[in-house]
Amino acid sequence: MLGKMRTRRGFTLTEVVVVGIIIGILAAVSIPIYLGFLADSQLDLAKSTSEMIGAAATFAHNRGLEASSGDWGVLGISDPEDEFWRYTFDQVPPITTDLSDADFKVQATPKAKCRIADTYYFRPEPPAGKEKWSTDAGN
């Protein structure tokens, strides 16, 4: 009888529950952190693309070209719309107007897939007292 010991197969219910609790705790901590990184990367994408559009608009302005929103070819770029953001810009003012006086701005509007709800505005040459980046169209 002593020689016929049962061999153990599988895990006990307690072991499975403990592992499940540990996995749940790790997921509860790591998922919000991951989503925060995802939102930050989407905002960085909008900022870098808006800065590129602003640089192209400044270059077009300095060459005396005028463009209205959607005239990407005048700026020398293709439509930069991506998976998360839709971009528009104000009319590029004539060369006789200082770009900072014209309050020219690039608008980045989030699409449904984006984890950010605010629309961002970028000014390549902000007027005195204004920031380059804001979530307020008038700022």
N, C-alpha and C. Protein backbone atom coordinates (compact mmCIF):
# COMPACT_ATOMS: atom_id res chain seq x y z
N MET A 1 0.80 -1.19 0.00
CA MET A 1 0.00 0.00 0.00
C MET A 1 0.85 1.26 0.00
N LEU A 2 1.93 1.23 0.72
CA LEU A 2 2.77 2.42 0.75
C LEU A 2 3.43 2.69 -0.60
N GLY A 3 3.63 1.71 -1.37
CA GLY A 3 4.28 1.89 -2.66
C GLY A 3 3.36 2.45 -3.73
N LYS A 4 2.06 2.45 -3.46
CA LYS A 4 1.12 2.95 -4.46
C LYS A 4 0.65 4.36 -4.13
N MET A 5 1.58 5.31 -4.08
CA MET A 5 1.19 6.70 -3.81
C MET A 5 0.67 7.33 -5.10
N ARG A 6 -0.30 8.17 -4.94
CA ARG A 6 -0.89 8.85 -6.09
C ARG A 6 0.05 9.95 -6.59
N THR A 7 0.26 10.04 -7.88
CA THR A 7 1.05 11.14 -8.42
C THR A 7 0.13 12.33 -8.66
N ARG A 8 0.65 13.46 -8.38
CA ARG A 8 -0.16 14.68 -8.47
C ARG A 8 -0.16 15.19 -9.90
N ARG A 9 -1.34 15.53 -10.42
CA ARG A 9 -1.47 16.06 -11.78
C ARG A 9 -2.23 17.37 -11.71
N GLY A 10 -1.68 18.42 -12.40
CA GLY A 10 -2.37 19.70 -12.45
C GLY A 10 -2.13 20.56 -11.22
N PHE A 11 -2.90 21.63 -11.14
CA PHE A 11 -2.77 22.59 -10.05
C PHE A 11 -4.02 22.54 -9.18
N THR A 12 -3.85 22.95 -7.95
CA THR A 12 -5.01 23.02 -7.07
C THR A 12 -5.79 24.30 -7.37
N LEU A 13 -7.00 24.33 -6.93
CA LEU A 13 -7.84 25.50 -7.15
C LEU A 13 -7.22 26.74 -6.49
N THR A 14 -6.64 26.58 -5.34
CA THR A 14 -6.01 27.70 -4.63
C THR A 14 -4.87 28.29 -5.45
N GLU A 15 -4.05 27.45 -6.04
CA GLU A 15 -2.94 27.95 -6.84
C GLU A 15 -3.44 28.72 -8.07
N VAL A 16 -4.47 28.21 -8.71
CA VAL A 16 -5.02 28.88 -9.88
C VAL A 16 -5.62 30.24 -9.50
N VAL A 17 -6.31 30.31 -8.38
CA VAL A 17 -6.91 31.57 -7.93
C VAL A 17 -5.83 32.58 -7.60
N VAL A 18 -4.77 32.16 -6.92
CA VAL A 18 -3.67 33.08 -6.57
C VAL A 18 -3.02 33.64 -7.83
N VAL A 19 -2.76 32.79 -8.81
CA VAL A 19 -2.17 33.26 -10.07
C VAL A 19 -3.12 34.24 -10.77
N GLY A 20 -4.40 33.94 -10.77
CA GLY A 20 -5.38 34.83 -11.38
C GLY A 20 -5.41 36.19 -10.71
N ILE A 21 -5.34 36.21 -9.40
CA ILE A 21 -5.34 37.48 -8.66
C ILE A 21 -4.08 38.28 -8.99
N ILE A 22 -2.95 37.62 -9.06
CA ILE A 22 -1.69 38.32 -9.39
C ILE A 22 -1.76 38.91 -10.80
N ILE A 23 -2.26 38.15 -11.75
CA ILE A 23 -2.40 38.67 -13.12
C ILE A 23 -3.37 39.85 -13.16
N GLY A 24 -4.45 39.79 -12.41
CA GLY A 24 -5.41 40.89 -12.35
C GLY A 24 -4.80 42.16 -11.78
N ILE A 25 -3.99 42.01 -10.74
CA ILE A 25 -3.33 43.18 -10.13
C ILE A 25 -2.34 43.80 -11.12
N LEU A 26 -1.56 42.95 -11.79
CA LEU A 26 -0.60 43.47 -12.77
C LEU A 26 -1.32 44.19 -13.92
N ALA A 27 -2.43 43.65 -14.38
CA ALA A 27 -3.19 44.29 -15.45
C ALA A 27 -3.79 45.61 -14.98
N ALA A 28 -4.30 45.64 -13.75
CA ALA A 28 -4.91 46.87 -13.23
C ALA A 28 -3.88 47.99 -13.10
N VAL A 29 -2.63 47.65 -12.88
CA VAL A 29 -1.59 48.66 -12.75
C VAL A 29 -1.03 49.05 -14.13
N SER A 30 -0.83 48.08 -15.00
CA SER A 30 -0.12 48.36 -16.25
C SER A 30 -1.00 48.93 -17.36
N ILE A 31 -2.26 48.58 -17.43
CA ILE A 31 -3.11 49.06 -18.53
C ILE A 31 -3.28 50.59 -18.50
N PRO A 32 -3.57 51.23 -17.35
CA PRO A 32 -3.65 52.70 -17.36
C PRO A 32 -2.33 53.37 -17.75
N ILE A 33 -1.23 52.78 -17.35
CA ILE A 33 0.08 53.34 -17.71
C ILE A 33 0.27 53.25 -19.23
N TYR A 34 -0.07 52.11 -19.81
CA TYR A 34 0.04 51.93 -21.25
C TYR A 34 -0.86 52.93 -21.99
N LEU A 35 -2.08 53.10 -21.54
CA LEU A 35 -3.00 54.03 -22.20
C LEU A 35 -2.50 55.47 -22.10
N GLY A 36 -1.84 55.81 -21.00
CA GLY A 36 -1.23 57.14 -20.86
C GLY A 36 -0.12 57.35 -21.88
N PHE A 37 0.73 56.33 -22.06
CA PHE A 37 1.78 56.41 -23.06
C PHE A 37 1.20 56.53 -24.47
N LEU A 38 0.11 55.82 -24.72
CA LEU A 38 -0.55 55.87 -26.02
C LEU A 38 -1.08 57.28 -26.31
N ALA A 39 -1.73 57.90 -25.32
CA ALA A 39 -2.24 59.27 -25.49
C ALA A 39 -1.09 60.26 -25.70
N ASP A 40 -0.02 60.10 -24.95
CA ASP A 40 1.14 60.99 -25.11
C ASP A 40 1.74 60.88 -26.51
N SER A 41 1.83 59.65 -27.03
CA SER A 41 2.40 59.49 -28.37
C SER A 41 1.49 60.08 -29.43
N GLN A 42 0.17 59.98 -29.24
CA GLN A 42 -0.75 60.57 -30.20
C GLN A 42 -0.66 62.10 -30.18
N LEU A 43 -0.50 62.68 -29.00
CA LEU A 43 -0.34 64.13 -28.90
C LEU A 43 0.99 64.56 -29.52
N ASP A 44 2.04 63.79 -29.31
CA ASP A 44 3.33 64.11 -29.93
C ASP A 44 3.24 64.06 -31.45
N LEU A 45 2.45 63.11 -31.98
CA LEU A 45 2.24 63.03 -33.42
C LEU A 45 1.57 64.30 -33.93
N ALA A 46 0.53 64.75 -33.23
CA ALA A 46 -0.17 65.97 -33.65
C ALA A 46 0.76 67.18 -33.59
N LYS A 47 1.55 67.27 -32.54
CA LYS A 47 2.45 68.41 -32.40
C LYS A 47 3.51 68.43 -33.49
N SER A 48 4.13 67.29 -33.76
CA SER A 48 5.19 67.27 -34.77
C SER A 48 4.63 67.54 -36.17
N THR A 49 3.45 66.98 -36.47
CA THR A 49 2.85 67.23 -37.78
C THR A 49 2.43 68.69 -37.91
N SER A 50 1.85 69.26 -36.84
CA SER A 50 1.44 70.67 -36.88
C SER A 50 2.65 71.59 -37.02
N GLU A 51 3.74 71.26 -36.37
CA GLU A 51 4.96 72.06 -36.52
C GLU A 51 5.49 71.99 -37.94
N MET A 52 5.38 70.81 -38.57
CA MET A 52 5.80 70.67 -39.96
C MET A 52 4.92 71.52 -40.87
N ILE A 53 3.62 71.51 -40.64
CA ILE A 53 2.70 72.33 -41.43
C ILE A 53 3.01 73.81 -41.20
N GLY A 54 3.26 74.18 -39.95
CA GLY A 54 3.59 75.57 -39.63
C GLY A 54 4.87 76.03 -40.30
N ALA A 55 5.87 75.14 -40.33
CA ALA A 55 7.13 75.48 -41.01
C ALA A 55 6.91 75.65 -42.50
N ALA A 56 6.10 74.77 -43.09
CA ALA A 56 5.81 74.88 -44.52
C ALA A 56 5.02 76.16 -44.82
N ALA A 57 4.09 76.51 -43.94
CA ALA A 57 3.30 77.73 -44.13
C ALA A 57 4.18 78.97 -43.98
N THR A 58 5.10 78.95 -43.02
CA THR A 58 6.03 80.06 -42.85
C THR A 58 6.91 80.22 -44.08
N PHE A 59 7.38 79.09 -44.61
CA PHE A 59 8.20 79.12 -45.82
C PHE A 59 7.40 79.68 -46.99
N ALA A 60 6.15 79.24 -47.15
CA ALA A 60 5.30 79.74 -48.23
C ALA A 60 5.04 81.24 -48.05
N HIS A 61 4.79 81.65 -46.80
CA HIS A 61 4.55 83.07 -46.51
C HIS A 61 5.78 83.91 -46.89
N ASN A 62 6.95 83.43 -46.52
CA ASN A 62 8.19 84.17 -46.80
C ASN A 62 8.50 84.22 -48.29
N ARG A 63 7.98 83.28 -49.07
CA ARG A 63 8.17 83.29 -50.53
C ARG A 63 7.07 84.09 -51.22
N GLY A 64 6.11 84.58 -50.47
CA GLY A 64 5.05 85.38 -51.05
C GLY A 64 3.88 84.57 -51.58
N LEU A 65 3.80 83.31 -51.24
CA LEU A 65 2.70 82.47 -51.69
C LEU A 65 1.54 82.59 -50.71
N GLU A 66 0.33 82.52 -51.24
CA GLU A 66 -0.85 82.54 -50.38
C GLU A 66 -1.57 81.22 -50.54
N ALA A 67 -2.05 80.68 -49.45
CA ALA A 67 -2.78 79.40 -49.49
C ALA A 67 -3.89 79.46 -48.47
N SER A 68 -5.01 78.84 -48.83
CA SER A 68 -6.09 78.71 -47.85
C SER A 68 -6.13 77.27 -47.37
N SER A 69 -6.91 77.01 -46.35
CA SER A 69 -6.96 75.69 -45.75
C SER A 69 -7.26 74.63 -46.80
N GLY A 70 -6.45 73.60 -46.82
CA GLY A 70 -6.62 72.52 -47.78
C GLY A 70 -5.72 72.64 -48.99
N ASP A 71 -5.05 73.78 -49.17
CA ASP A 71 -4.11 73.94 -50.28
C ASP A 71 -2.75 73.37 -49.89
N TRP A 72 -2.71 72.06 -49.69
CA TRP A 72 -1.47 71.43 -49.24
C TRP A 72 -0.38 71.54 -50.29
N GLY A 73 -0.76 71.50 -51.57
CA GLY A 73 0.23 71.58 -52.65
C GLY A 73 0.99 72.90 -52.65
N VAL A 74 0.32 74.00 -52.30
CA VAL A 74 0.99 75.30 -52.24
C VAL A 74 2.06 75.28 -51.15
N LEU A 75 1.78 74.53 -50.09
CA LEU A 75 2.76 74.43 -49.00
C LEU A 75 3.86 73.43 -49.33
N GLY A 76 3.69 72.69 -50.40
CA GLY A 76 4.72 71.73 -50.80
C GLY A 76 4.64 70.42 -50.04
N ILE A 77 3.47 70.10 -49.46
CA ILE A 77 3.31 68.85 -48.73
C ILE A 77 2.01 68.18 -49.17
N SER A 78 1.94 66.87 -48.95
CA SER A 78 0.68 66.17 -49.23
C SER A 78 -0.20 66.26 -47.99
N ASP A 79 -1.47 65.94 -48.14
CA ASP A 79 -2.41 66.01 -47.03
C ASP A 79 -1.90 65.16 -45.87
N PRO A 80 -1.61 65.77 -44.72
CA PRO A 80 -0.99 65.05 -43.61
C PRO A 80 -1.97 64.29 -42.72
N GLU A 81 -3.24 64.21 -43.11
CA GLU A 81 -4.24 63.54 -42.27
C GLU A 81 -3.77 62.12 -41.95
N ASP A 82 -3.88 61.72 -40.70
CA ASP A 82 -3.46 60.39 -40.29
C ASP A 82 -4.60 59.67 -39.57
N GLU A 83 -4.27 58.58 -38.94
CA GLU A 83 -5.27 57.72 -38.29
C GLU A 83 -5.96 58.40 -37.11
N PHE A 84 -5.27 59.33 -36.45
CA PHE A 84 -5.79 59.90 -35.21
C PHE A 84 -6.20 61.37 -35.32
N TRP A 85 -5.65 62.12 -36.27
CA TRP A 85 -5.85 63.57 -36.31
C TRP A 85 -6.25 64.05 -37.69
N ARG A 86 -7.00 65.13 -37.73
CA ARG A 86 -7.34 65.84 -38.96
C ARG A 86 -6.74 67.25 -38.82
N TYR A 87 -6.02 67.69 -39.82
CA TYR A 87 -5.31 68.98 -39.74
C TYR A 87 -5.91 69.99 -40.70
N THR A 88 -6.05 71.21 -40.24
CA THR A 88 -6.45 72.33 -41.09
C THR A 88 -5.59 73.52 -40.70
N PHE A 89 -5.57 74.53 -41.56
CA PHE A 89 -4.84 75.75 -41.23
C PHE A 89 -5.60 76.94 -41.75
N ASP A 90 -5.35 78.07 -41.12
CA ASP A 90 -5.96 79.31 -41.59
C ASP A 90 -5.32 79.69 -42.92
N GLN A 91 -5.91 80.67 -43.56
CA GLN A 91 -5.31 81.16 -44.80
C GLN A 91 -3.94 81.75 -44.49
N VAL A 92 -2.96 81.36 -45.30
CA VAL A 92 -1.62 81.93 -45.14
C VAL A 92 -1.72 83.39 -45.60
N PRO A 93 -1.37 84.34 -44.74
CA PRO A 93 -1.54 85.76 -45.09
C PRO A 93 -0.54 86.19 -46.16
N PRO A 94 -0.84 87.28 -46.85
CA PRO A 94 0.10 87.79 -47.85
C PRO A 94 1.40 88.22 -47.18
N ILE A 95 2.43 88.31 -47.99
CA ILE A 95 3.76 88.62 -47.46
C ILE A 95 3.82 90.01 -46.84
N THR A 96 2.91 90.89 -47.21
CA THR A 96 2.90 92.24 -46.64
C THR A 96 2.45 92.24 -45.18
N THR A 97 1.87 91.13 -44.71
CA THR A 97 1.41 91.02 -43.33
C THR A 97 2.39 90.18 -42.54
N ASP A 98 2.74 90.65 -41.36
CA ASP A 98 3.60 89.86 -40.47
C ASP A 98 2.81 88.63 -40.01
N LEU A 99 3.44 87.47 -40.08
CA LEU A 99 2.75 86.22 -39.74
C LEU A 99 2.23 86.22 -38.31
N SER A 100 2.96 86.83 -37.38
CA SER A 100 2.49 86.85 -35.99
C SER A 100 1.32 87.81 -35.81
N ASP A 101 1.24 88.87 -36.63
CA ASP A 101 0.10 89.79 -36.55
C ASP A 101 -1.17 89.18 -37.14
N ALA A 102 -1.01 88.23 -38.04
CA ALA A 102 -2.15 87.63 -38.72
C ALA A 102 -2.84 86.56 -37.87
N ASP A 103 -2.22 86.18 -36.76
CA ASP A 103 -2.76 85.15 -35.88
C ASP A 103 -3.00 83.85 -36.65
N PHE A 104 -2.05 83.51 -37.53
CA PHE A 104 -2.11 82.27 -38.29
C PHE A 104 -1.95 81.08 -37.34
N LYS A 105 -2.77 80.04 -37.55
CA LYS A 105 -2.63 78.85 -36.70
C LYS A 105 -2.99 77.59 -37.48
N VAL A 106 -2.41 76.49 -37.02
CA VAL A 106 -2.71 75.16 -37.53
C VAL A 106 -3.60 74.49 -36.49
N GLN A 107 -4.65 73.84 -36.94
CA GLN A 107 -5.60 73.20 -36.02
C GLN A 107 -5.48 71.69 -36.19
N ALA A 108 -5.28 70.97 -35.07
CA ALA A 108 -5.26 69.51 -35.06
C ALA A 108 -6.50 69.04 -34.31
N THR A 109 -7.44 68.42 -35.04
CA THR A 109 -8.69 67.95 -34.46
C THR A 109 -8.63 66.44 -34.32
N PRO A 110 -8.90 65.90 -33.13
CA PRO A 110 -8.82 64.44 -32.95
C PRO A 110 -9.95 63.71 -33.65
N LYS A 111 -9.63 62.54 -34.18
CA LYS A 111 -10.63 61.65 -34.77
C LYS A 111 -11.14 60.71 -33.68
N ALA A 112 -12.07 59.85 -34.04
CA ALA A 112 -12.71 58.95 -33.07
C ALA A 112 -11.71 57.99 -32.43
N LYS A 113 -10.67 57.55 -33.15
CA LYS A 113 -9.70 56.60 -32.60
C LYS A 113 -8.75 57.23 -31.60
N CYS A 114 -8.68 58.54 -31.59
CA CYS A 114 -7.72 59.24 -30.75
C CYS A 114 -8.16 59.20 -29.29
N ARG A 115 -7.21 59.07 -28.39
CA ARG A 115 -7.49 59.00 -26.97
C ARG A 115 -7.53 60.39 -26.33
N ILE A 116 -7.40 61.44 -27.14
CA ILE A 116 -7.39 62.81 -26.64
C ILE A 116 -8.63 63.51 -27.18
N ALA A 117 -9.31 64.27 -26.34
CA ALA A 117 -10.56 64.90 -26.75
C ALA A 117 -10.39 66.34 -27.20
N ASP A 118 -9.31 67.01 -26.80
CA ASP A 118 -9.14 68.43 -27.09
C ASP A 118 -8.61 68.66 -28.50
N THR A 119 -9.04 69.76 -29.09
CA THR A 119 -8.47 70.24 -30.34
C THR A 119 -7.29 71.13 -29.98
N TYR A 120 -6.17 70.94 -30.68
CA TYR A 120 -4.97 71.72 -30.38
C TYR A 120 -4.69 72.70 -31.52
N TYR A 121 -4.17 73.85 -31.14
CA TYR A 121 -3.82 74.91 -32.09
C TYR A 121 -2.34 75.21 -31.95
N PHE A 122 -1.67 75.31 -33.09
CA PHE A 122 -0.25 75.60 -33.12
C PHE A 122 -0.02 76.87 -33.92
N ARG A 123 0.75 77.80 -33.36
CA ARG A 123 1.11 79.03 -34.05
C ARG A 123 2.63 79.03 -34.26
N PRO A 124 3.09 79.05 -35.53
CA PRO A 124 4.53 79.03 -35.77
C PRO A 124 5.23 80.27 -35.22
N GLU A 125 4.57 81.42 -35.31
CA GLU A 125 5.13 82.67 -34.78
C GLU A 125 4.04 83.34 -33.97
N PRO A 126 3.90 82.96 -32.70
CA PRO A 126 2.79 83.50 -31.91
C PRO A 126 2.96 84.99 -31.63
N PRO A 127 1.86 85.73 -31.58
CA PRO A 127 1.93 87.14 -31.19
C PRO A 127 2.45 87.25 -29.76
N ALA A 128 2.92 88.41 -29.40
CA ALA A 128 3.46 88.63 -28.06
C ALA A 128 2.44 88.23 -27.00
N GLY A 129 2.89 87.51 -26.02
CA GLY A 129 2.03 87.10 -24.92
C GLY A 129 1.22 85.84 -25.18
N LYS A 130 1.37 85.24 -26.37
CA LYS A 130 0.64 84.01 -26.67
C LYS A 130 1.62 82.84 -26.77
N GLU A 131 1.10 81.67 -26.45
CA GLU A 131 1.91 80.45 -26.50
C GLU A 131 1.85 79.84 -27.89
N LYS A 132 2.87 79.01 -28.22
CA LYS A 132 2.83 78.31 -29.50
C LYS A 132 1.71 77.28 -29.53
N TRP A 133 1.47 76.62 -28.39
CA TRP A 133 0.47 75.56 -28.30
C TRP A 133 -0.64 75.94 -27.36
N SER A 134 -1.88 75.66 -27.74
CA SER A 134 -3.00 75.89 -26.84
C SER A 134 -4.18 75.03 -27.24
N THR A 135 -5.12 74.88 -26.35
CA THR A 135 -6.37 74.18 -26.67
C THR A 135 -7.49 75.19 -26.88
N ASP A 136 -7.14 76.47 -26.90
CA ASP A 136 -8.10 77.54 -27.07
C ASP A 136 -7.81 78.26 -28.39
N ALA A 137 -8.79 78.33 -29.27
CA ALA A 137 -8.58 78.93 -30.59
C ALA A 137 -8.20 80.40 -30.51
N GLY A 138 -8.67 81.09 -29.51
CA GLY A 138 -8.39 82.52 -29.40
C GLY A 138 -7.11 82.83 -28.67
N ASN A 139 -6.49 81.83 -28.05
CA ASN A 139 -5.29 82.08 -27.26
C ASN A 139 -4.07 82.14 -28.12
